[in-house]
């Protein structure tokens, strides 16, 4: 009996919820095709593998090559798609996370500027992340391809996907515009819960 170990995550909102920041069409391709492809690929690669019984995070820590690429992309996309909500102009972090952002970056605006800059200047494909270290200090990292901050001993909190498939239908080559718009759909309660 062949049980698929991993399944495509269900979106916690309707595909049109994030419009106009991320279109229903982009969600359809990005979630329904790209992420689904990574899930199918990983399930195929895990058959007969010694890593087959491990949770996703451990596979990302131990795998290499194609298995790492597909597992990493599933983990990254699950965190990415799970952090959004309907657009609003003035979403801001709250509680301990807000205090940590001010402590480690000076202000929320300074954090946003640095985060967007790191996202806009990452060459090629990958992700920009806000993570915390074991002491709760916040760190922004650029991760190429399917890499995830857990590989560096960090706890991932927030991510923007800078692979072209994340924004090309809506923004063409205007990656900085896409990054600047994403703040309007971040569910800071989710990010606070991860912190």
N, C-alpha and C. Protein backbone atom coordinates (compact mmCIF):
# COMPACT_ATOMS: atom_id res chain seq x y z
N UNK A 1 0.85 -1.18 0.00
CA UNK A 1 0.00 0.00 0.00
C UNK A 1 0.89 1.25 0.00
N UNK A 2 0.68 2.14 -0.95
CA UNK A 2 1.51 3.34 -1.07
C UNK A 2 0.78 4.54 -0.48
N UNK A 3 1.16 4.92 0.73
CA UNK A 3 0.59 6.10 1.36
C UNK A 3 1.47 7.30 1.04
N UNK A 4 0.86 8.37 0.56
CA UNK A 4 1.62 9.59 0.32
C UNK A 4 1.93 10.22 1.68
N UNK A 5 3.21 10.42 1.96
CA UNK A 5 3.60 10.94 3.27
C UNK A 5 3.19 12.41 3.44
N UNK A 6 3.48 13.22 2.43
CA UNK A 6 3.17 14.64 2.53
C UNK A 6 2.04 15.01 1.58
N UNK A 7 1.21 15.96 2.03
CA UNK A 7 0.09 16.43 1.22
C UNK A 7 0.25 17.92 0.98
N UNK A 8 -0.37 18.40 -0.09
CA UNK A 8 -0.41 19.83 -0.38
C UNK A 8 -1.18 20.52 0.74
N UNK A 9 -0.56 21.52 1.37
CA UNK A 9 -1.24 22.24 2.45
C UNK A 9 -2.51 22.91 1.93
N UNK A 10 -3.54 22.91 2.76
CA UNK A 10 -4.75 23.66 2.43
C UNK A 10 -4.50 25.13 2.77
N UNK A 11 -4.89 26.02 1.88
CA UNK A 11 -4.74 27.45 2.17
C UNK A 11 -5.70 27.85 3.28
N UNK A 12 -5.25 28.68 4.22
CA UNK A 12 -6.15 29.12 5.31
C UNK A 12 -7.06 30.28 4.89
N UNK A 13 -7.22 30.51 3.60
CA UNK A 13 -8.06 31.59 3.06
C UNK A 13 -8.44 31.19 1.64
N UNK A 14 -9.46 31.86 1.10
CA UNK A 14 -9.86 31.62 -0.29
C UNK A 14 -8.80 32.20 -1.23
N UNK A 15 -8.63 31.60 -2.43
CA UNK A 15 -7.56 32.05 -3.35
C UNK A 15 -7.62 33.52 -3.73
N UNK A 16 -8.81 34.13 -3.68
CA UNK A 16 -8.93 35.55 -4.05
C UNK A 16 -8.73 36.49 -2.87
N UNK A 17 -8.57 35.98 -1.66
CA UNK A 17 -8.49 36.79 -0.43
C UNK A 17 -7.37 37.81 -0.47
N UNK A 18 -6.25 37.47 -1.10
CA UNK A 18 -5.05 38.33 -1.04
C UNK A 18 -5.03 39.39 -2.14
N UNK A 19 -6.04 39.39 -3.01
CA UNK A 19 -6.07 40.40 -4.08
C UNK A 19 -6.26 41.79 -3.51
N UNK A 20 -5.68 42.85 -4.11
CA UNK A 20 -4.89 42.82 -5.35
C UNK A 20 -3.39 42.56 -5.13
N UNK A 21 -2.97 42.29 -3.90
CA UNK A 21 -1.54 42.14 -3.61
C UNK A 21 -1.00 40.89 -4.31
N UNK A 22 -1.69 39.77 -4.13
CA UNK A 22 -1.37 38.54 -4.86
C UNK A 22 -2.67 38.06 -5.50
N UNK A 23 -2.66 37.91 -6.81
CA UNK A 23 -3.89 37.57 -7.53
C UNK A 23 -4.27 36.11 -7.33
N UNK A 24 -5.54 35.85 -7.54
CA UNK A 24 -6.07 34.48 -7.50
C UNK A 24 -5.31 33.60 -8.50
N UNK A 25 -4.98 34.18 -9.66
CA UNK A 25 -4.25 33.44 -10.70
C UNK A 25 -2.86 33.03 -10.22
N UNK A 26 -2.16 33.97 -9.56
CA UNK A 26 -0.84 33.64 -9.02
C UNK A 26 -0.95 32.56 -7.96
N UNK A 27 -1.94 32.67 -7.06
CA UNK A 27 -2.15 31.63 -6.04
C UNK A 27 -2.38 30.27 -6.72
N UNK A 28 -3.18 30.28 -7.77
CA UNK A 28 -3.46 29.03 -8.49
C UNK A 28 -2.20 28.36 -9.01
N UNK A 29 -1.34 29.15 -9.63
CA UNK A 29 -0.08 28.59 -10.15
C UNK A 29 0.91 28.28 -9.03
N UNK A 30 1.08 29.23 -8.12
CA UNK A 30 2.13 29.13 -7.10
C UNK A 30 1.81 28.00 -6.12
N UNK A 31 0.59 27.99 -5.59
CA UNK A 31 0.18 26.95 -4.64
C UNK A 31 -0.24 25.68 -5.38
N UNK A 32 -1.11 25.85 -6.37
CA UNK A 32 -1.72 24.70 -7.02
C UNK A 32 -0.82 23.93 -7.97
N UNK A 33 0.22 24.59 -8.49
CA UNK A 33 1.12 23.92 -9.44
C UNK A 33 2.54 23.76 -8.86
N UNK A 34 3.16 24.88 -8.47
CA UNK A 34 4.55 24.82 -7.98
C UNK A 34 4.65 24.01 -6.69
N UNK A 35 3.89 24.41 -5.67
CA UNK A 35 3.97 23.71 -4.39
C UNK A 35 3.49 22.27 -4.54
N UNK A 36 2.41 22.06 -5.29
CA UNK A 36 1.92 20.69 -5.51
C UNK A 36 3.00 19.84 -6.17
N UNK A 37 3.75 20.42 -7.09
CA UNK A 37 4.84 19.70 -7.75
C UNK A 37 5.93 19.29 -6.77
N UNK A 38 6.29 20.18 -5.87
CA UNK A 38 7.31 19.84 -4.86
C UNK A 38 6.83 18.69 -3.97
N UNK A 39 5.55 18.73 -3.59
CA UNK A 39 4.98 17.67 -2.74
C UNK A 39 5.03 16.33 -3.47
N UNK A 40 4.58 16.32 -4.72
CA UNK A 40 4.60 15.07 -5.50
C UNK A 40 6.02 14.56 -5.69
N UNK A 41 6.94 15.46 -6.00
CA UNK A 41 8.34 15.07 -6.20
C UNK A 41 8.93 14.47 -4.93
N UNK A 42 8.71 15.14 -3.80
CA UNK A 42 9.28 14.65 -2.55
C UNK A 42 8.72 13.27 -2.19
N UNK A 43 7.42 13.10 -2.33
CA UNK A 43 6.83 11.80 -2.03
C UNK A 43 7.46 10.71 -2.88
N UNK A 44 7.71 11.00 -4.15
CA UNK A 44 8.36 10.02 -5.02
C UNK A 44 9.79 9.73 -4.59
N UNK A 45 10.53 10.77 -4.22
CA UNK A 45 11.92 10.61 -3.81
C UNK A 45 12.06 9.88 -2.47
N UNK A 46 11.05 9.98 -1.61
CA UNK A 46 11.13 9.37 -0.29
C UNK A 46 10.88 7.85 -0.30
N UNK A 47 10.25 7.35 -1.37
CA UNK A 47 9.96 5.92 -1.41
C UNK A 47 11.24 5.12 -1.26
N UNK A 48 11.27 4.27 -0.23
CA UNK A 48 12.44 3.43 0.00
C UNK A 48 13.63 4.15 0.61
N UNK A 49 13.48 5.43 0.95
CA UNK A 49 14.59 6.21 1.51
C UNK A 49 14.64 6.03 3.03
N UNK A 50 15.85 6.04 3.61
CA UNK A 50 15.95 6.00 5.07
C UNK A 50 15.34 7.24 5.75
N UNK A 51 15.11 8.31 4.99
CA UNK A 51 14.53 9.53 5.55
C UNK A 51 13.00 9.53 5.50
N UNK A 52 12.42 8.48 4.93
CA UNK A 52 10.98 8.47 4.64
C UNK A 52 10.10 8.67 5.86
N UNK A 53 10.54 8.24 7.04
CA UNK A 53 9.69 8.34 8.23
C UNK A 53 9.90 9.64 9.01
N UNK A 54 10.82 10.47 8.58
CA UNK A 54 11.14 11.68 9.34
C UNK A 54 10.15 12.80 9.08
N UNK A 55 9.96 13.70 10.06
CA UNK A 55 9.16 14.91 9.80
C UNK A 55 9.90 15.82 8.80
N UNK A 56 9.14 16.72 8.18
CA UNK A 56 9.67 17.57 7.11
C UNK A 56 10.93 18.33 7.54
N UNK A 57 10.91 18.94 8.74
CA UNK A 57 12.06 19.74 9.19
C UNK A 57 13.33 18.89 9.26
N UNK A 58 13.20 17.65 9.72
CA UNK A 58 14.38 16.77 9.80
C UNK A 58 14.88 16.35 8.43
N UNK A 59 13.94 16.16 7.50
CA UNK A 59 14.36 15.85 6.13
C UNK A 59 15.18 17.02 5.58
N UNK A 60 14.70 18.25 5.82
CA UNK A 60 15.43 19.44 5.35
C UNK A 60 16.83 19.49 5.98
N UNK A 61 16.95 19.08 7.23
CA UNK A 61 18.25 19.12 7.91
C UNK A 61 19.20 18.02 7.40
N UNK A 62 18.67 16.90 6.93
CA UNK A 62 19.52 15.74 6.62
C UNK A 62 19.65 15.42 5.13
N UNK A 63 18.70 15.86 4.32
CA UNK A 63 18.70 15.47 2.90
C UNK A 63 19.69 16.30 2.12
N UNK A 64 19.96 15.88 0.90
CA UNK A 64 20.74 16.67 -0.04
C UNK A 64 20.17 16.49 -1.44
N UNK A 65 20.70 17.27 -2.38
CA UNK A 65 20.28 17.14 -3.77
C UNK A 65 18.80 17.41 -3.96
N UNK A 66 18.17 16.63 -4.84
CA UNK A 66 16.77 16.83 -5.19
C UNK A 66 15.83 16.68 -4.02
N UNK A 67 16.15 15.76 -3.12
CA UNK A 67 15.28 15.56 -1.96
C UNK A 67 15.29 16.81 -1.07
N UNK A 68 16.46 17.38 -0.85
CA UNK A 68 16.56 18.62 -0.07
C UNK A 68 15.81 19.75 -0.77
N UNK A 69 16.01 19.89 -2.08
CA UNK A 69 15.35 20.98 -2.81
C UNK A 69 13.83 20.92 -2.67
N UNK A 70 13.25 19.72 -2.84
CA UNK A 70 11.80 19.60 -2.77
C UNK A 70 11.29 19.74 -1.33
N UNK A 71 11.98 19.13 -0.36
CA UNK A 71 11.57 19.25 1.04
C UNK A 71 11.69 20.70 1.51
N UNK A 72 12.79 21.35 1.15
CA UNK A 72 12.98 22.75 1.52
C UNK A 72 11.90 23.65 0.95
N UNK A 73 11.55 23.41 -0.30
CA UNK A 73 10.52 24.25 -0.93
C UNK A 73 9.16 24.01 -0.28
N UNK A 74 8.87 22.79 0.15
CA UNK A 74 7.59 22.54 0.84
C UNK A 74 7.58 23.29 2.17
N UNK A 75 8.63 23.14 2.96
CA UNK A 75 8.71 23.83 4.24
C UNK A 75 8.60 25.34 4.05
N UNK A 76 9.36 25.88 3.12
CA UNK A 76 9.35 27.32 2.87
C UNK A 76 7.96 27.81 2.46
N UNK A 77 7.35 27.10 1.51
CA UNK A 77 6.04 27.53 1.02
C UNK A 77 4.95 27.35 2.07
N UNK A 78 5.03 26.33 2.91
CA UNK A 78 4.03 26.17 3.96
C UNK A 78 4.07 27.35 4.93
N UNK A 79 5.28 27.79 5.28
CA UNK A 79 5.42 28.96 6.14
C UNK A 79 4.94 30.22 5.43
N UNK A 80 5.28 30.34 4.14
CA UNK A 80 4.92 31.50 3.32
C UNK A 80 3.40 31.62 3.19
N UNK A 81 2.75 30.58 2.70
CA UNK A 81 1.30 30.67 2.48
C UNK A 81 0.53 30.76 3.79
N UNK A 82 1.09 30.27 4.88
CA UNK A 82 0.41 30.30 6.17
C UNK A 82 0.47 31.63 6.89
N UNK A 83 1.19 32.62 6.35
CA UNK A 83 1.41 33.89 7.07
C UNK A 83 0.54 35.03 6.56
N UNK A 84 -0.36 34.77 5.62
CA UNK A 84 -1.10 35.86 4.97
C UNK A 84 -2.55 35.96 5.44
N UNK A 85 -3.13 37.15 5.23
CA UNK A 85 -4.55 37.40 5.48
C UNK A 85 -5.00 38.51 4.52
N UNK A 86 -6.28 38.85 4.57
CA UNK A 86 -6.82 39.87 3.66
C UNK A 86 -6.08 41.20 3.82
N UNK A 87 -5.91 41.94 2.73
CA UNK A 87 -5.12 43.18 2.77
C UNK A 87 -5.69 44.25 3.69
N UNK A 88 -4.77 44.97 4.32
CA UNK A 88 -5.09 46.12 5.15
C UNK A 88 -3.83 46.99 5.18
N UNK A 89 -4.01 48.28 5.14
CA UNK A 89 -2.87 49.19 5.03
C UNK A 89 -1.95 49.19 6.25
N UNK A 90 -2.53 49.06 7.44
CA UNK A 90 -1.75 49.37 8.64
C UNK A 90 -1.45 48.15 9.51
N UNK A 91 -1.28 46.98 8.90
CA UNK A 91 -0.88 45.82 9.69
C UNK A 91 0.50 46.07 10.29
N UNK A 92 0.64 45.77 11.58
CA UNK A 92 1.93 45.92 12.26
C UNK A 92 2.08 44.80 13.27
N UNK A 93 3.32 44.44 13.58
CA UNK A 93 3.52 43.42 14.61
C UNK A 93 3.08 43.93 15.98
N UNK A 94 2.83 42.97 16.88
CA UNK A 94 2.32 43.31 18.21
C UNK A 94 3.14 42.57 19.27
N UNK A 95 2.95 42.95 20.51
CA UNK A 95 3.50 42.19 21.62
C UNK A 95 5.01 42.04 21.62
N UNK A 96 5.47 40.86 22.05
CA UNK A 96 6.90 40.61 22.21
C UNK A 96 7.66 40.75 20.89
N UNK A 97 7.02 40.34 19.79
CA UNK A 97 7.68 40.45 18.48
C UNK A 97 7.93 41.91 18.12
N UNK A 98 6.94 42.77 18.35
CA UNK A 98 7.10 44.20 18.06
C UNK A 98 8.25 44.78 18.88
N UNK A 99 8.32 44.39 20.15
CA UNK A 99 9.40 44.87 21.01
C UNK A 99 10.76 44.39 20.50
N UNK A 100 10.82 43.12 20.06
CA UNK A 100 12.09 42.56 19.56
C UNK A 100 12.51 43.24 18.27
N UNK A 101 11.56 43.57 17.40
CA UNK A 101 11.89 44.26 16.14
C UNK A 101 12.48 45.64 16.45
N UNK A 102 11.86 46.37 17.37
CA UNK A 102 12.39 47.69 17.76
C UNK A 102 13.77 47.55 18.39
N UNK A 103 13.94 46.54 19.25
CA UNK A 103 15.22 46.31 19.92
C UNK A 103 16.33 45.99 18.91
N UNK A 104 16.04 45.13 17.94
CA UNK A 104 17.09 44.61 17.06
C UNK A 104 17.27 45.41 15.76
N UNK A 105 16.28 46.22 15.38
CA UNK A 105 16.39 46.98 14.13
C UNK A 105 16.21 48.48 14.32
N UNK A 106 15.82 48.92 15.50
CA UNK A 106 15.63 50.34 15.77
C UNK A 106 14.18 50.78 15.65
N UNK A 107 13.49 50.28 14.62
CA UNK A 107 12.07 50.60 14.43
C UNK A 107 11.49 49.61 13.43
N UNK A 108 10.16 49.55 13.38
CA UNK A 108 9.48 48.69 12.41
C UNK A 108 9.81 49.15 10.99
N UNK A 109 9.84 50.47 10.76
CA UNK A 109 10.16 50.99 9.42
C UNK A 109 11.58 50.60 8.99
N UNK A 110 12.53 50.70 9.92
CA UNK A 110 13.91 50.32 9.60
C UNK A 110 14.00 48.82 9.28
N UNK A 111 13.27 48.02 10.03
CA UNK A 111 13.22 46.58 9.76
C UNK A 111 12.66 46.32 8.36
N UNK A 112 11.53 46.95 8.04
CA UNK A 112 10.91 46.75 6.72
C UNK A 112 11.87 47.14 5.60
N UNK A 113 12.56 48.27 5.77
CA UNK A 113 13.51 48.73 4.74
C UNK A 113 14.61 47.69 4.52
N UNK A 114 15.18 47.20 5.61
CA UNK A 114 16.27 46.22 5.49
C UNK A 114 15.77 44.91 4.88
N UNK A 115 14.59 44.48 5.30
CA UNK A 115 14.02 43.23 4.81
C UNK A 115 13.76 43.31 3.31
N UNK A 116 13.14 44.43 2.88
CA UNK A 116 12.87 44.61 1.46
C UNK A 116 14.16 44.70 0.65
N UNK A 117 15.15 45.40 1.17
CA UNK A 117 16.42 45.54 0.47
C UNK A 117 17.08 44.18 0.28
N UNK A 118 17.06 43.36 1.35
CA UNK A 118 17.66 42.02 1.24
C UNK A 118 16.88 41.16 0.24
N UNK A 119 15.56 41.33 0.20
CA UNK A 119 14.76 40.59 -0.77
C UNK A 119 15.01 41.04 -2.20
N UNK A 120 15.14 42.35 -2.38
CA UNK A 120 15.33 42.90 -3.72
C UNK A 120 16.72 42.61 -4.27
N UNK A 121 17.71 42.45 -3.40
CA UNK A 121 19.10 42.29 -3.86
C UNK A 121 19.57 40.84 -3.86
N UNK A 122 18.70 39.91 -3.49
CA UNK A 122 19.09 38.50 -3.56
C UNK A 122 19.17 38.11 -5.02
N UNK A 123 20.34 37.69 -5.46
CA UNK A 123 20.53 37.36 -6.87
C UNK A 123 19.89 36.02 -7.18
N UNK A 124 19.19 35.96 -8.30
CA UNK A 124 18.59 34.69 -8.72
C UNK A 124 17.34 34.39 -7.92
N UNK A 125 17.18 33.14 -7.54
CA UNK A 125 15.97 32.69 -6.87
C UNK A 125 16.24 32.36 -5.41
N UNK A 126 15.23 32.58 -4.57
CA UNK A 126 15.40 32.24 -3.16
C UNK A 126 14.38 32.94 -2.30
N UNK A 127 14.77 33.19 -1.06
CA UNK A 127 13.87 33.67 -0.02
C UNK A 127 14.59 34.66 0.88
N UNK A 128 13.85 35.63 1.40
CA UNK A 128 14.39 36.49 2.46
C UNK A 128 13.58 36.15 3.72
N UNK A 129 14.29 36.01 4.85
CA UNK A 129 13.68 35.51 6.08
C UNK A 129 13.94 36.43 7.26
N UNK A 130 12.94 36.53 8.13
CA UNK A 130 13.14 37.03 9.49
C UNK A 130 13.11 35.80 10.37
N UNK A 131 14.17 35.59 11.14
CA UNK A 131 14.26 34.44 12.04
C UNK A 131 14.73 34.91 13.40
N UNK A 132 14.61 34.01 14.38
CA UNK A 132 15.18 34.31 15.70
C UNK A 132 16.22 33.25 16.03
N UNK A 133 17.25 33.67 16.76
CA UNK A 133 18.26 32.71 17.20
C UNK A 133 17.82 32.13 18.55
N UNK A 134 18.65 31.30 19.13
CA UNK A 134 18.27 30.60 20.38
C UNK A 134 18.01 31.57 21.54
N UNK A 135 18.54 32.79 21.45
CA UNK A 135 18.34 33.79 22.49
C UNK A 135 17.18 34.75 22.19
N UNK A 136 16.49 34.53 21.05
CA UNK A 136 15.38 35.39 20.69
C UNK A 136 15.76 36.61 19.88
N UNK A 137 17.06 36.75 19.57
CA UNK A 137 17.51 37.88 18.73
C UNK A 137 17.02 37.67 17.31
N UNK A 138 16.55 38.74 16.69
CA UNK A 138 16.01 38.66 15.33
C UNK A 138 17.11 38.89 14.30
N UNK A 139 17.05 38.11 13.22
CA UNK A 139 18.08 38.14 12.18
C UNK A 139 17.38 38.06 10.83
N UNK A 140 17.83 38.87 9.87
CA UNK A 140 17.34 38.78 8.49
C UNK A 140 18.39 38.04 7.68
N UNK A 141 17.97 37.01 6.96
CA UNK A 141 18.91 36.28 6.10
C UNK A 141 18.35 36.15 4.69
N UNK A 142 19.26 36.06 3.75
CA UNK A 142 18.93 35.72 2.37
C UNK A 142 19.27 34.24 2.19
N UNK A 143 18.31 33.46 1.72
CA UNK A 143 18.56 32.03 1.50
C UNK A 143 18.32 31.74 0.02
N UNK A 144 19.29 31.13 -0.62
CA UNK A 144 19.15 30.85 -2.05
C UNK A 144 18.36 29.57 -2.28
N UNK A 145 17.73 29.51 -3.43
CA UNK A 145 17.00 28.33 -3.89
C UNK A 145 16.02 27.83 -2.85
N UNK A 146 16.24 26.62 -2.28
CA UNK A 146 15.28 26.04 -1.34
C UNK A 146 15.78 26.06 0.10
N UNK A 147 16.85 26.80 0.38
CA UNK A 147 17.42 26.80 1.72
C UNK A 147 16.45 27.42 2.73
N UNK A 148 16.59 26.99 3.98
CA UNK A 148 15.73 27.46 5.07
C UNK A 148 16.62 27.78 6.28
N UNK A 149 16.28 28.82 7.05
CA UNK A 149 17.10 29.20 8.21
C UNK A 149 17.30 28.08 9.24
N UNK A 150 16.42 27.07 9.28
CA UNK A 150 16.63 25.99 10.26
C UNK A 150 17.97 25.29 10.03
N UNK A 151 18.47 25.36 8.79
CA UNK A 151 19.76 24.75 8.49
C UNK A 151 20.91 25.49 9.16
N UNK A 152 20.65 26.71 9.64
CA UNK A 152 21.66 27.51 10.35
C UNK A 152 21.36 27.57 11.85
N UNK A 153 20.44 26.75 12.32
CA UNK A 153 20.08 26.75 13.73
C UNK A 153 19.15 27.87 14.13
N UNK A 154 18.49 28.49 13.16
CA UNK A 154 17.58 29.60 13.43
C UNK A 154 16.12 29.14 13.37
N UNK A 155 15.24 29.93 13.96
CA UNK A 155 13.80 29.64 13.93
C UNK A 155 13.14 30.60 12.94
N UNK A 156 12.62 30.08 11.80
CA UNK A 156 12.02 30.97 10.80
C UNK A 156 10.68 31.53 11.26
N UNK A 157 10.49 32.84 11.05
CA UNK A 157 9.28 33.53 11.50
C UNK A 157 8.46 34.07 10.32
N UNK A 158 9.13 34.77 9.42
CA UNK A 158 8.47 35.48 8.32
C UNK A 158 9.32 35.31 7.07
N UNK A 159 8.68 35.11 5.92
CA UNK A 159 9.46 34.99 4.70
C UNK A 159 8.76 35.63 3.51
N UNK A 160 9.54 36.21 2.61
CA UNK A 160 9.05 36.65 1.31
C UNK A 160 9.76 35.79 0.27
N UNK A 161 8.97 35.23 -0.64
CA UNK A 161 9.47 34.38 -1.71
C UNK A 161 9.92 35.29 -2.85
N UNK A 162 11.18 35.21 -3.25
CA UNK A 162 11.64 36.03 -4.36
C UNK A 162 11.92 35.22 -5.63
N UNK A 163 11.44 33.99 -5.67
CA UNK A 163 11.42 33.26 -6.94
C UNK A 163 10.44 34.00 -7.86
N UNK A 164 10.75 34.08 -9.14
CA UNK A 164 9.87 34.84 -10.05
C UNK A 164 8.44 34.30 -10.09
N UNK A 165 8.26 33.00 -9.90
CA UNK A 165 6.90 32.47 -9.98
C UNK A 165 5.99 33.03 -8.87
N UNK A 166 6.58 33.61 -7.82
CA UNK A 166 5.79 34.17 -6.73
C UNK A 166 5.13 35.49 -7.12
N UNK A 167 5.68 36.18 -8.13
CA UNK A 167 5.18 37.53 -8.41
C UNK A 167 5.06 37.89 -9.88
N UNK A 168 5.56 37.05 -10.79
CA UNK A 168 5.71 37.51 -12.17
C UNK A 168 4.39 37.81 -12.86
N UNK A 169 3.35 37.03 -12.61
CA UNK A 169 2.06 37.28 -13.26
C UNK A 169 1.49 38.63 -12.84
N UNK A 170 1.74 39.04 -11.60
CA UNK A 170 1.16 40.28 -11.08
C UNK A 170 2.10 41.49 -11.22
N UNK A 171 3.40 41.27 -11.14
CA UNK A 171 4.34 42.39 -11.08
C UNK A 171 5.42 42.35 -12.16
N UNK A 172 5.39 41.35 -13.04
CA UNK A 172 6.44 41.15 -14.03
C UNK A 172 7.82 41.19 -13.36
N UNK A 173 8.71 42.06 -13.82
CA UNK A 173 10.07 42.09 -13.25
C UNK A 173 10.22 43.07 -12.10
N UNK A 174 9.11 43.57 -11.56
CA UNK A 174 9.17 44.60 -10.51
C UNK A 174 9.18 43.95 -9.13
N UNK A 175 10.22 43.20 -8.84
CA UNK A 175 10.32 42.51 -7.55
C UNK A 175 10.21 43.48 -6.37
N UNK A 176 10.90 44.65 -6.37
CA UNK A 176 10.79 45.56 -5.22
C UNK A 176 9.35 46.01 -4.95
N UNK A 177 8.55 46.23 -6.01
CA UNK A 177 7.16 46.65 -5.82
C UNK A 177 6.36 45.53 -5.14
N UNK A 178 6.61 44.31 -5.56
CA UNK A 178 5.94 43.16 -4.95
C UNK A 178 6.29 43.06 -3.46
N UNK A 179 7.58 43.18 -3.14
CA UNK A 179 8.02 43.07 -1.75
C UNK A 179 7.39 44.17 -0.90
N UNK A 180 7.33 45.39 -1.43
CA UNK A 180 6.77 46.51 -0.68
C UNK A 180 5.28 46.31 -0.41
N UNK A 181 4.57 45.65 -1.34
CA UNK A 181 3.13 45.45 -1.19
C UNK A 181 2.79 44.34 -0.20
N UNK A 182 3.68 43.38 -0.01
CA UNK A 182 3.36 42.21 0.82
C UNK A 182 3.04 42.56 2.28
N UNK A 183 3.56 43.67 2.78
CA UNK A 183 3.29 44.04 4.18
C UNK A 183 1.79 44.18 4.45
N UNK A 184 1.00 44.49 3.41
CA UNK A 184 -0.44 44.69 3.58
C UNK A 184 -1.20 43.39 3.84
N UNK A 185 -0.54 42.23 3.66
CA UNK A 185 -1.25 40.96 3.84
C UNK A 185 -0.59 40.05 4.89
N UNK A 186 0.35 40.59 5.66
CA UNK A 186 1.01 39.78 6.69
C UNK A 186 0.11 39.68 7.92
N UNK A 187 -0.17 38.47 8.34
CA UNK A 187 -0.93 38.23 9.56
C UNK A 187 0.07 38.16 10.72
N UNK A 188 0.25 39.29 11.40
CA UNK A 188 1.28 39.39 12.44
C UNK A 188 0.98 38.50 13.64
N UNK A 189 -0.28 38.12 13.84
CA UNK A 189 -0.60 37.20 14.94
C UNK A 189 0.05 35.83 14.66
N UNK A 190 0.07 35.42 13.39
CA UNK A 190 0.73 34.16 13.01
C UNK A 190 2.23 34.26 13.27
N UNK A 191 2.84 35.37 12.86
CA UNK A 191 4.29 35.55 13.02
C UNK A 191 4.63 35.60 14.51
N UNK A 192 3.83 36.31 15.29
CA UNK A 192 4.03 36.37 16.75
C UNK A 192 3.96 34.98 17.36
N UNK A 193 3.02 34.17 16.87
CA UNK A 193 2.88 32.79 17.37
C UNK A 193 4.10 31.94 17.07
N UNK A 194 4.77 32.21 15.96
CA UNK A 194 5.99 31.47 15.61
C UNK A 194 7.17 31.89 16.49
N UNK A 195 7.12 33.16 16.95
CA UNK A 195 8.22 33.72 17.75
C UNK A 195 8.16 33.15 19.15
